[in-house]
N, C-alpha and C. Protein backbone atom coordinates (compact mmCIF):
# COMPACT_ATOMS: atom_id res chain seq x y z
N UNK A 1 -2.62 26.27 4.75
CA UNK A 1 -2.83 25.10 3.89
C UNK A 1 -1.48 24.61 3.39
N UNK A 2 -1.20 23.34 3.63
CA UNK A 2 0.07 22.79 3.14
C UNK A 2 0.02 22.69 1.62
N UNK A 3 1.18 22.69 1.04
CA UNK A 3 1.27 22.58 -0.40
C UNK A 3 0.78 21.20 -0.83
N UNK A 4 0.10 21.15 -1.95
CA UNK A 4 -0.34 19.85 -2.45
C UNK A 4 0.86 19.00 -2.85
N UNK A 5 2.00 19.63 -3.07
CA UNK A 5 3.20 18.87 -3.45
C UNK A 5 3.72 18.05 -2.28
N UNK A 6 3.31 18.40 -1.03
CA UNK A 6 3.77 17.65 0.13
C UNK A 6 3.06 16.31 0.27
N UNK A 7 1.97 16.15 -0.41
CA UNK A 7 1.22 14.89 -0.35
C UNK A 7 1.51 14.12 -1.63
N UNK A 8 1.94 12.89 -1.47
CA UNK A 8 2.26 12.07 -2.65
C UNK A 8 0.98 11.69 -3.39
N UNK A 9 1.16 11.20 -4.59
CA UNK A 9 0.02 10.74 -5.37
C UNK A 9 -0.70 9.61 -4.65
N UNK A 10 0.05 8.70 -4.04
CA UNK A 10 -0.57 7.62 -3.26
C UNK A 10 -1.33 8.22 -2.08
N UNK A 11 -0.75 9.22 -1.44
CA UNK A 11 -1.43 9.88 -0.33
C UNK A 11 -2.76 10.48 -0.76
N UNK A 12 -2.78 11.11 -1.93
CA UNK A 12 -4.03 11.67 -2.44
C UNK A 12 -5.05 10.57 -2.72
N UNK A 13 -4.57 9.45 -3.26
CA UNK A 13 -5.49 8.33 -3.53
C UNK A 13 -6.08 7.80 -2.22
N UNK A 14 -5.25 7.65 -1.19
CA UNK A 14 -5.73 7.17 0.11
C UNK A 14 -6.70 8.17 0.74
N UNK A 15 -6.35 9.45 0.68
CA UNK A 15 -7.24 10.47 1.24
C UNK A 15 -8.60 10.45 0.53
N UNK A 16 -8.56 10.28 -0.78
CA UNK A 16 -9.84 10.28 -1.51
C UNK A 16 -10.70 9.08 -1.13
N UNK A 17 -10.08 7.95 -0.84
CA UNK A 17 -10.84 6.79 -0.37
C UNK A 17 -11.36 7.05 1.04
N UNK A 18 -10.52 7.63 1.90
CA UNK A 18 -10.92 7.90 3.28
C UNK A 18 -11.98 9.00 3.38
N UNK A 19 -12.07 9.86 2.38
CA UNK A 19 -13.14 10.85 2.37
C UNK A 19 -14.50 10.16 2.24
N UNK A 20 -14.53 8.96 1.71
CA UNK A 20 -15.78 8.21 1.56
C UNK A 20 -16.18 7.54 2.87
N UNK A 21 -15.17 6.97 3.57
CA UNK A 21 -15.46 6.25 4.81
C UNK A 21 -14.16 5.93 5.54
N UNK A 22 -14.27 5.74 6.84
CA UNK A 22 -13.13 5.30 7.65
C UNK A 22 -12.75 3.88 7.24
N UNK A 23 -11.48 3.53 7.45
CA UNK A 23 -11.04 2.19 7.06
C UNK A 23 -9.75 1.83 7.77
N UNK A 24 -9.54 0.53 7.95
CA UNK A 24 -8.25 0.04 8.43
C UNK A 24 -7.29 0.01 7.24
N UNK A 25 -6.02 -0.18 7.54
CA UNK A 25 -5.05 -0.30 6.46
C UNK A 25 -5.38 -1.45 5.53
N UNK A 26 -5.82 -2.56 6.12
CA UNK A 26 -6.21 -3.72 5.31
C UNK A 26 -7.41 -3.38 4.42
N UNK A 27 -8.41 -2.71 5.02
CA UNK A 27 -9.59 -2.32 4.23
C UNK A 27 -9.21 -1.34 3.12
N UNK A 28 -8.28 -0.44 3.42
CA UNK A 28 -7.81 0.50 2.38
C UNK A 28 -7.12 -0.26 1.25
N UNK A 29 -6.33 -1.23 1.63
CA UNK A 29 -5.65 -2.04 0.62
C UNK A 29 -6.65 -2.74 -0.28
N UNK A 30 -7.69 -3.32 0.33
CA UNK A 30 -8.74 -3.99 -0.45
C UNK A 30 -9.53 -2.99 -1.28
N UNK A 31 -9.86 -1.83 -0.69
CA UNK A 31 -10.61 -0.80 -1.43
C UNK A 31 -9.80 -0.31 -2.62
N UNK A 32 -8.49 -0.14 -2.40
CA UNK A 32 -7.64 0.31 -3.50
C UNK A 32 -7.61 -0.74 -4.60
N UNK A 33 -7.54 -2.01 -4.22
CA UNK A 33 -7.48 -3.04 -5.26
C UNK A 33 -8.83 -3.23 -5.93
N UNK A 34 -9.92 -2.99 -5.21
CA UNK A 34 -11.25 -3.16 -5.81
C UNK A 34 -11.72 -1.94 -6.58
N UNK A 35 -11.36 -0.74 -6.12
CA UNK A 35 -11.94 0.44 -6.76
C UNK A 35 -10.94 1.29 -7.53
N UNK A 36 -9.67 1.20 -7.20
CA UNK A 36 -8.71 2.05 -7.91
C UNK A 36 -7.65 1.27 -8.67
N UNK A 37 -7.66 -0.04 -8.53
CA UNK A 37 -6.61 -0.86 -9.13
C UNK A 37 -6.51 -0.68 -10.64
N UNK A 38 -7.62 -0.35 -11.28
CA UNK A 38 -7.59 -0.20 -12.72
C UNK A 38 -6.94 1.11 -13.15
N UNK A 39 -6.67 2.03 -12.21
CA UNK A 39 -5.96 3.25 -12.59
C UNK A 39 -4.85 3.60 -11.62
N UNK A 40 -4.82 2.98 -10.44
CA UNK A 40 -3.77 3.28 -9.47
C UNK A 40 -3.53 2.06 -8.60
N UNK A 41 -2.29 1.63 -8.51
CA UNK A 41 -1.99 0.46 -7.71
C UNK A 41 -0.98 0.81 -6.62
N UNK A 42 -1.04 0.07 -5.55
CA UNK A 42 -0.09 0.24 -4.44
C UNK A 42 0.01 -1.08 -3.69
N UNK A 43 1.21 -1.37 -3.23
CA UNK A 43 1.41 -2.56 -2.40
C UNK A 43 0.96 -2.26 -0.98
N UNK A 44 0.63 -3.31 -0.26
CA UNK A 44 0.17 -3.20 1.13
C UNK A 44 1.17 -2.39 1.96
N UNK A 45 2.46 -2.71 1.83
CA UNK A 45 3.49 -2.02 2.62
C UNK A 45 3.56 -0.54 2.28
N UNK A 46 3.32 -0.18 1.03
CA UNK A 46 3.32 1.23 0.64
C UNK A 46 2.17 1.97 1.31
N UNK A 47 1.03 1.32 1.40
CA UNK A 47 -0.15 1.95 1.99
C UNK A 47 0.10 2.27 3.46
N UNK A 48 0.66 1.32 4.22
CA UNK A 48 0.91 1.56 5.64
C UNK A 48 1.94 2.66 5.84
N UNK A 49 2.98 2.67 5.04
CA UNK A 49 4.00 3.73 5.16
C UNK A 49 3.39 5.09 4.84
N UNK A 50 2.54 5.14 3.83
CA UNK A 50 1.91 6.41 3.46
C UNK A 50 0.92 6.86 4.52
N UNK A 51 0.19 5.94 5.12
CA UNK A 51 -0.73 6.30 6.20
C UNK A 51 0.03 6.95 7.36
N UNK A 52 1.20 6.41 7.68
CA UNK A 52 2.02 7.00 8.75
C UNK A 52 2.42 8.43 8.40
N UNK A 53 2.81 8.66 7.15
CA UNK A 53 3.18 10.02 6.71
C UNK A 53 1.97 10.96 6.78
N UNK A 54 0.83 10.47 6.33
CA UNK A 54 -0.38 11.29 6.36
C UNK A 54 -0.78 11.62 7.80
N UNK A 55 -0.58 10.66 8.70
CA UNK A 55 -0.93 10.92 10.10
C UNK A 55 0.03 11.93 10.71
N UNK A 56 1.30 11.80 10.42
CA UNK A 56 2.29 12.77 10.91
C UNK A 56 1.97 14.17 10.41
N UNK A 57 1.46 14.27 9.18
CA UNK A 57 1.10 15.56 8.60
C UNK A 57 -0.25 16.08 9.11
N UNK A 58 -0.96 15.26 9.91
CA UNK A 58 -2.25 15.69 10.45
C UNK A 58 -3.40 15.57 9.47
N UNK A 59 -3.23 14.78 8.42
CA UNK A 59 -4.26 14.65 7.40
C UNK A 59 -5.19 13.46 7.65
N UNK A 60 -4.71 12.49 8.44
CA UNK A 60 -5.55 11.39 8.89
C UNK A 60 -5.27 11.17 10.37
N UNK A 61 -6.19 10.50 11.04
CA UNK A 61 -6.00 10.09 12.42
C UNK A 61 -6.44 8.64 12.51
N UNK A 62 -6.00 7.99 13.56
CA UNK A 62 -6.45 6.60 13.72
C UNK A 62 -6.99 6.39 15.13
N UNK A 63 -7.82 5.38 15.24
CA UNK A 63 -8.26 4.86 16.53
C UNK A 63 -7.92 3.38 16.54
N UNK A 64 -7.52 2.91 17.71
CA UNK A 64 -7.21 1.49 17.84
C UNK A 64 -8.51 0.71 18.00
N UNK A 65 -8.61 -0.40 17.31
CA UNK A 65 -9.79 -1.26 17.39
C UNK A 65 -9.34 -2.70 17.60
N UNK A 66 -10.20 -3.48 18.20
CA UNK A 66 -9.89 -4.90 18.42
C UNK A 66 -9.81 -5.60 17.07
N UNK A 67 -8.91 -6.53 16.99
CA UNK A 67 -8.75 -7.29 15.75
C UNK A 67 -8.49 -8.75 16.09
N UNK A 68 -8.68 -9.60 15.13
CA UNK A 68 -8.36 -11.02 15.32
C UNK A 68 -6.86 -11.13 15.52
N UNK A 69 -6.43 -11.91 16.46
CA UNK A 69 -5.01 -12.05 16.72
C UNK A 69 -4.59 -11.22 17.92
N UNK A 70 -3.30 -11.24 18.21
CA UNK A 70 -2.82 -10.60 19.44
C UNK A 70 -2.74 -9.07 19.38
N UNK A 71 -2.69 -8.52 18.20
CA UNK A 71 -2.49 -7.07 18.09
C UNK A 71 -3.80 -6.36 17.75
N UNK A 72 -3.84 -5.09 18.14
CA UNK A 72 -4.98 -4.28 17.75
C UNK A 72 -4.77 -3.79 16.33
N UNK A 73 -5.84 -3.34 15.73
CA UNK A 73 -5.78 -2.78 14.38
C UNK A 73 -6.05 -1.29 14.49
N UNK A 74 -5.72 -0.56 13.45
CA UNK A 74 -5.96 0.88 13.42
C UNK A 74 -7.02 1.18 12.37
N UNK A 75 -8.01 1.97 12.77
CA UNK A 75 -9.02 2.44 11.82
C UNK A 75 -8.69 3.91 11.55
N UNK A 76 -8.49 4.22 10.27
CA UNK A 76 -8.09 5.56 9.86
C UNK A 76 -9.29 6.36 9.39
N UNK A 77 -9.23 7.65 9.68
CA UNK A 77 -10.26 8.58 9.21
C UNK A 77 -9.55 9.83 8.72
N UNK A 78 -10.11 10.43 7.70
CA UNK A 78 -9.55 11.68 7.20
C UNK A 78 -9.90 12.78 8.20
N UNK A 79 -8.98 13.69 8.44
CA UNK A 79 -9.24 14.82 9.33
C UNK A 79 -9.81 15.97 8.49
N UNK A 80 -10.24 17.02 9.16
CA UNK A 80 -10.72 18.21 8.44
C UNK A 80 -9.60 18.76 7.56
N UNK A 81 -8.37 18.73 8.08
CA UNK A 81 -7.23 19.21 7.29
C UNK A 81 -6.99 18.31 6.08
N UNK A 82 -7.20 17.01 6.26
CA UNK A 82 -7.04 16.08 5.14
C UNK A 82 -8.06 16.32 4.06
N UNK A 83 -9.30 16.56 4.48
CA UNK A 83 -10.37 16.85 3.50
C UNK A 83 -10.07 18.17 2.78
N UNK A 84 -9.62 19.19 3.53
CA UNK A 84 -9.26 20.46 2.90
C UNK A 84 -8.10 20.26 1.91
N UNK A 85 -7.17 19.40 2.26
CA UNK A 85 -6.05 19.11 1.38
C UNK A 85 -6.51 18.52 0.06
N UNK A 86 -7.45 17.56 0.14
CA UNK A 86 -7.99 16.94 -1.08
C UNK A 86 -8.72 18.00 -1.91
N UNK A 87 -9.54 18.80 -1.25
CA UNK A 87 -10.29 19.84 -1.97
C UNK A 87 -9.35 20.86 -2.61
N UNK A 88 -8.31 21.24 -1.88
CA UNK A 88 -7.33 22.19 -2.43
C UNK A 88 -6.65 21.59 -3.67
N UNK A 89 -6.25 20.33 -3.55
CA UNK A 89 -5.59 19.65 -4.66
C UNK A 89 -6.53 19.57 -5.87
N UNK A 90 -7.79 19.24 -5.64
CA UNK A 90 -8.75 19.13 -6.74
C UNK A 90 -8.94 20.47 -7.46
N UNK A 91 -8.79 21.56 -6.74
CA UNK A 91 -9.01 22.89 -7.31
C UNK A 91 -7.78 23.47 -8.00
N UNK A 92 -6.67 22.77 -7.96
CA UNK A 92 -5.45 23.25 -8.62
C UNK A 92 -5.32 22.60 -9.99
N UNK A 93 -4.43 23.15 -10.78
CA UNK A 93 -4.16 22.57 -12.10
C UNK A 93 -3.56 21.18 -11.93
N UNK A 94 -3.93 20.23 -12.78
CA UNK A 94 -3.31 18.90 -12.69
C UNK A 94 -1.80 18.99 -12.87
N UNK A 95 -1.11 18.14 -12.15
CA UNK A 95 0.33 18.10 -12.23
C UNK A 95 0.77 17.65 -13.61
N UNK A 96 1.86 18.22 -14.08
CA UNK A 96 2.42 17.76 -15.35
C UNK A 96 2.92 16.33 -15.14
N UNK A 97 2.69 15.50 -16.10
CA UNK A 97 3.17 14.13 -16.00
C UNK A 97 3.59 13.64 -17.38
N UNK A 98 4.39 12.64 -17.33
CA UNK A 98 4.85 12.01 -18.57
C UNK A 98 4.07 10.73 -18.74
N UNK A 99 3.46 10.57 -19.90
CA UNK A 99 2.77 9.31 -20.18
C UNK A 99 3.82 8.24 -20.39
N UNK A 100 3.73 7.19 -19.62
CA UNK A 100 4.66 6.08 -19.74
C UNK A 100 3.85 4.83 -20.01
N UNK A 101 3.43 4.69 -21.23
CA UNK A 101 2.56 3.59 -21.61
C UNK A 101 3.39 2.57 -22.39
N UNK A 102 3.53 1.35 -21.87
CA UNK A 102 4.32 0.35 -22.57
C UNK A 102 3.76 -0.01 -23.94
N UNK A 103 2.46 0.16 -24.15
CA UNK A 103 1.86 -0.12 -25.45
C UNK A 103 2.36 0.90 -26.48
N UNK A 104 2.39 2.16 -26.09
CA UNK A 104 2.86 3.21 -27.00
C UNK A 104 4.35 3.03 -27.28
N UNK A 105 5.11 2.60 -26.28
CA UNK A 105 6.53 2.33 -26.50
C UNK A 105 6.70 1.20 -27.52
N UNK A 106 5.88 0.16 -27.41
CA UNK A 106 5.93 -0.93 -28.40
C UNK A 106 5.55 -0.42 -29.78
N UNK A 107 4.53 0.44 -29.83
CA UNK A 107 4.11 1.00 -31.12
C UNK A 107 5.25 1.76 -31.78
N UNK A 108 6.04 2.43 -30.96
CA UNK A 108 7.16 3.21 -31.48
C UNK A 108 8.19 2.32 -32.18
N UNK A 109 8.31 1.08 -31.71
CA UNK A 109 9.30 0.16 -32.27
C UNK A 109 8.67 -0.90 -33.18
N UNK A 110 7.39 -0.82 -33.40
CA UNK A 110 6.67 -1.84 -34.17
C UNK A 110 7.23 -2.01 -35.58
N UNK A 111 7.77 -0.96 -36.14
CA UNK A 111 8.28 -1.01 -37.51
C UNK A 111 9.43 -2.01 -37.67
N UNK A 112 10.04 -2.41 -36.55
CA UNK A 112 11.16 -3.35 -36.62
C UNK A 112 10.72 -4.77 -36.94
N UNK A 113 9.44 -5.06 -36.70
CA UNK A 113 8.93 -6.41 -36.94
C UNK A 113 8.38 -6.53 -38.35
N UNK A 114 8.45 -7.74 -38.91
CA UNK A 114 7.72 -7.97 -40.16
C UNK A 114 6.23 -7.77 -39.89
N UNK A 115 5.47 -7.33 -40.88
CA UNK A 115 4.04 -7.04 -40.66
C UNK A 115 3.26 -8.16 -40.00
N UNK A 116 3.53 -9.43 -40.36
CA UNK A 116 2.76 -10.52 -39.75
C UNK A 116 3.03 -10.63 -38.25
N UNK A 117 4.28 -10.41 -37.83
CA UNK A 117 4.59 -10.43 -36.40
C UNK A 117 4.03 -9.20 -35.70
N UNK A 118 4.08 -8.06 -36.36
CA UNK A 118 3.52 -6.84 -35.80
C UNK A 118 2.02 -7.01 -35.58
N UNK A 119 1.35 -7.70 -36.50
CA UNK A 119 -0.08 -7.97 -36.35
C UNK A 119 -0.36 -8.83 -35.11
N UNK A 120 0.55 -9.77 -34.82
CA UNK A 120 0.40 -10.60 -33.62
C UNK A 120 0.52 -9.76 -32.35
N UNK A 121 1.49 -8.85 -32.34
CA UNK A 121 1.66 -7.94 -31.20
C UNK A 121 0.40 -7.11 -31.03
N UNK A 122 -0.09 -6.59 -32.14
CA UNK A 122 -1.29 -5.77 -32.12
C UNK A 122 -2.50 -6.57 -31.61
N UNK A 123 -2.59 -7.82 -31.99
CA UNK A 123 -3.70 -8.67 -31.53
C UNK A 123 -3.66 -8.81 -30.01
N UNK A 124 -2.48 -8.93 -29.44
CA UNK A 124 -2.34 -9.01 -27.98
C UNK A 124 -2.80 -7.72 -27.31
N UNK A 125 -2.47 -6.59 -27.91
CA UNK A 125 -2.90 -5.28 -27.39
C UNK A 125 -4.42 -5.18 -27.46
N UNK A 126 -4.99 -5.61 -28.58
CA UNK A 126 -6.45 -5.58 -28.73
C UNK A 126 -7.13 -6.46 -27.70
N UNK A 127 -6.61 -7.67 -27.50
CA UNK A 127 -7.20 -8.58 -26.52
C UNK A 127 -7.18 -7.96 -25.12
N UNK A 128 -6.05 -7.37 -24.74
CA UNK A 128 -5.94 -6.76 -23.42
C UNK A 128 -6.92 -5.60 -23.28
N UNK A 129 -7.08 -4.79 -24.32
CA UNK A 129 -8.01 -3.67 -24.25
C UNK A 129 -9.46 -4.15 -24.19
N UNK A 130 -9.78 -5.20 -24.93
CA UNK A 130 -11.13 -5.74 -24.87
C UNK A 130 -11.44 -6.28 -23.47
N UNK A 131 -10.45 -6.95 -22.86
CA UNK A 131 -10.63 -7.46 -21.49
C UNK A 131 -10.91 -6.32 -20.53
N UNK A 132 -10.09 -5.27 -20.61
CA UNK A 132 -10.28 -4.11 -19.72
C UNK A 132 -11.62 -3.45 -19.97
N UNK A 133 -11.99 -3.33 -21.23
CA UNK A 133 -13.27 -2.71 -21.58
C UNK A 133 -14.43 -3.51 -20.97
N UNK A 134 -14.35 -4.82 -21.06
CA UNK A 134 -15.38 -5.67 -20.46
C UNK A 134 -15.42 -5.47 -18.95
N UNK A 135 -14.26 -5.42 -18.32
CA UNK A 135 -14.18 -5.21 -16.88
C UNK A 135 -14.78 -3.86 -16.49
N UNK A 136 -14.39 -2.80 -17.20
CA UNK A 136 -14.89 -1.46 -16.88
C UNK A 136 -16.40 -1.36 -17.09
N UNK A 137 -16.89 -2.01 -18.12
CA UNK A 137 -18.34 -2.00 -18.35
C UNK A 137 -19.08 -2.74 -17.24
N UNK A 138 -18.47 -3.80 -16.72
CA UNK A 138 -19.11 -4.50 -15.59
C UNK A 138 -19.09 -3.61 -14.35
N UNK A 139 -17.99 -2.88 -14.12
CA UNK A 139 -17.94 -1.92 -13.01
C UNK A 139 -19.03 -0.87 -13.18
N UNK A 140 -19.20 -0.39 -14.41
CA UNK A 140 -20.21 0.64 -14.66
C UNK A 140 -21.61 0.10 -14.35
N UNK A 141 -21.88 -1.13 -14.77
CA UNK A 141 -23.20 -1.73 -14.47
C UNK A 141 -23.42 -1.85 -12.96
N UNK A 142 -22.38 -2.29 -12.24
CA UNK A 142 -22.49 -2.39 -10.78
C UNK A 142 -22.77 -1.03 -10.16
N UNK A 143 -22.07 -0.02 -10.64
CA UNK A 143 -22.27 1.33 -10.10
C UNK A 143 -23.67 1.86 -10.42
N UNK A 144 -24.20 1.46 -11.58
CA UNK A 144 -25.52 1.93 -11.99
C UNK A 144 -26.66 1.20 -11.28
N UNK A 145 -26.34 0.10 -10.57
CA UNK A 145 -27.38 -0.69 -9.92
C UNK A 145 -28.26 0.12 -8.98
N UNK A 146 -27.66 1.00 -8.18
CA UNK A 146 -28.48 1.76 -7.23
C UNK A 146 -28.93 3.11 -7.79
N UNK A 147 -28.49 3.45 -8.98
CA UNK A 147 -28.94 4.68 -9.63
C UNK A 147 -28.34 5.95 -9.07
N UNK A 148 -27.42 5.85 -8.13
CA UNK A 148 -26.85 7.04 -7.50
C UNK A 148 -25.51 7.47 -8.09
N UNK A 149 -24.80 6.56 -8.74
CA UNK A 149 -23.43 6.83 -9.17
C UNK A 149 -23.32 7.99 -10.15
N UNK A 150 -24.35 8.27 -10.89
CA UNK A 150 -24.30 9.36 -11.86
C UNK A 150 -24.74 10.70 -11.26
N UNK A 151 -25.05 10.69 -9.96
CA UNK A 151 -25.41 11.91 -9.25
C UNK A 151 -24.11 12.56 -8.77
N UNK A 152 -23.85 13.76 -9.23
CA UNK A 152 -22.56 14.41 -9.01
C UNK A 152 -22.18 14.55 -7.53
N UNK A 153 -23.13 14.61 -6.63
CA UNK A 153 -22.80 14.78 -5.21
C UNK A 153 -22.64 13.45 -4.47
N UNK A 154 -22.87 12.34 -5.13
CA UNK A 154 -22.77 11.02 -4.50
C UNK A 154 -21.30 10.56 -4.51
N UNK A 155 -20.82 9.91 -3.43
CA UNK A 155 -19.43 9.44 -3.41
C UNK A 155 -19.06 8.52 -4.58
N UNK A 156 -20.02 7.78 -5.12
CA UNK A 156 -19.72 6.89 -6.24
C UNK A 156 -19.60 7.61 -7.58
N UNK A 157 -19.92 8.90 -7.61
CA UNK A 157 -19.80 9.66 -8.86
C UNK A 157 -18.36 9.63 -9.37
N UNK A 158 -17.40 9.80 -8.47
CA UNK A 158 -16.00 9.76 -8.87
C UNK A 158 -15.62 8.41 -9.45
N UNK A 159 -16.16 7.34 -8.86
CA UNK A 159 -15.88 6.00 -9.39
C UNK A 159 -16.50 5.86 -10.78
N UNK A 160 -17.72 6.34 -10.93
CA UNK A 160 -18.38 6.27 -12.24
C UNK A 160 -17.58 7.07 -13.27
N UNK A 161 -17.16 8.29 -12.91
CA UNK A 161 -16.40 9.13 -13.84
C UNK A 161 -15.09 8.45 -14.23
N UNK A 162 -14.45 7.81 -13.26
CA UNK A 162 -13.19 7.12 -13.52
C UNK A 162 -13.40 5.93 -14.45
N UNK A 163 -14.43 5.16 -14.18
CA UNK A 163 -14.74 4.00 -15.03
C UNK A 163 -15.08 4.47 -16.45
N UNK A 164 -15.83 5.56 -16.56
CA UNK A 164 -16.15 6.10 -17.89
C UNK A 164 -14.87 6.51 -18.62
N UNK A 165 -13.92 7.10 -17.90
CA UNK A 165 -12.64 7.46 -18.53
C UNK A 165 -11.93 6.21 -19.05
N UNK A 166 -11.96 5.13 -18.27
CA UNK A 166 -11.35 3.88 -18.70
C UNK A 166 -12.04 3.30 -19.92
N UNK A 167 -13.36 3.38 -19.93
CA UNK A 167 -14.13 2.88 -21.08
C UNK A 167 -13.76 3.67 -22.33
N UNK A 168 -13.78 4.98 -22.22
CA UNK A 168 -13.44 5.84 -23.36
C UNK A 168 -12.01 5.59 -23.83
N UNK A 169 -11.10 5.43 -22.87
CA UNK A 169 -9.70 5.19 -23.21
C UNK A 169 -9.56 3.91 -24.03
N UNK A 170 -10.16 2.83 -23.57
CA UNK A 170 -9.99 1.55 -24.27
C UNK A 170 -10.78 1.49 -25.57
N UNK A 171 -11.88 2.19 -25.64
CA UNK A 171 -12.56 2.30 -26.93
C UNK A 171 -11.66 3.02 -27.93
N UNK A 172 -11.00 4.07 -27.47
CA UNK A 172 -10.05 4.78 -28.32
C UNK A 172 -8.86 3.92 -28.70
N UNK A 173 -8.36 3.15 -27.75
CA UNK A 173 -7.23 2.27 -28.05
C UNK A 173 -7.63 1.23 -29.10
N UNK A 174 -8.85 0.71 -29.01
CA UNK A 174 -9.30 -0.27 -30.00
C UNK A 174 -9.46 0.38 -31.37
N UNK A 175 -9.91 1.64 -31.44
CA UNK A 175 -9.97 2.35 -32.73
C UNK A 175 -8.57 2.51 -33.30
N UNK A 176 -7.61 2.86 -32.44
CA UNK A 176 -6.22 3.00 -32.85
C UNK A 176 -5.70 1.67 -33.39
N UNK A 177 -6.01 0.58 -32.69
CA UNK A 177 -5.57 -0.75 -33.14
C UNK A 177 -6.13 -1.06 -34.53
N UNK A 178 -7.39 -0.73 -34.77
CA UNK A 178 -7.98 -0.98 -36.10
C UNK A 178 -7.23 -0.20 -37.18
N UNK A 179 -6.89 1.06 -36.89
CA UNK A 179 -6.15 1.87 -37.86
C UNK A 179 -4.77 1.29 -38.15
N UNK A 180 -4.07 0.90 -37.09
CA UNK A 180 -2.73 0.33 -37.25
C UNK A 180 -2.84 -1.00 -37.98
N UNK A 181 -3.84 -1.80 -37.65
CA UNK A 181 -4.04 -3.10 -38.32
C UNK A 181 -4.21 -2.90 -39.82
N UNK A 182 -5.03 -1.91 -40.22
CA UNK A 182 -5.23 -1.65 -41.65
C UNK A 182 -3.92 -1.34 -42.34
N UNK A 183 -3.11 -0.50 -41.71
CA UNK A 183 -1.80 -0.16 -42.31
C UNK A 183 -0.90 -1.38 -42.42
N UNK A 184 -0.86 -2.18 -41.37
CA UNK A 184 -0.03 -3.37 -41.40
C UNK A 184 -0.49 -4.37 -42.46
N UNK A 185 -1.80 -4.50 -42.59
CA UNK A 185 -2.33 -5.44 -43.59
C UNK A 185 -2.06 -4.93 -45.01
N UNK A 186 -2.03 -3.63 -45.21
CA UNK A 186 -1.67 -3.10 -46.52
C UNK A 186 -0.25 -3.47 -46.87
N UNK A 187 0.63 -3.43 -45.89
CA UNK A 187 2.04 -3.76 -46.10
C UNK A 187 2.22 -5.27 -46.28
N UNK A 188 1.42 -6.04 -45.57
CA UNK A 188 1.56 -7.49 -45.57
C UNK A 188 0.93 -8.13 -46.81
N UNK A 189 -0.11 -7.47 -47.31
CA UNK A 189 -0.88 -8.09 -48.38
C UNK A 189 -0.47 -7.66 -49.71
């Protein structure tokens, strides 16, 4: 079993999508933007480069398929080794990471602004979180349409769990905003 460190985070994201179904690079790009964009983003060129690395490592394979235009397209599928790699990674401790949240960085410097301006910054943060919360709730409703997403063995369970994490995160961020707003209003008033 190769080390999970040999597979990049983008590689793990692609493998997890390919564990659901085979896809072309274009379809993976669309799937990533439709299903993982709210927690993981990648440019089209990054996806193709990562697919090549995964194929060299034996974690995915491709078959050539007819496509519109002069060139053929490649349809990628996860290999048994790729699936084992994802399962191995899932069973290990999460990697240490540094939270790099631009909102928290702004909060760290918020004291530099007069309270009325700080309240404006906070209002922008609240608006963005409300937008995301609305989006995540719509994703959750879509996932709940067929009634399978909350079944732990269904491929959409991971999407449901991810969306729930986003909902909880933004609900927490909005609670934090209310607390900060109260403090700022005490200073301003």
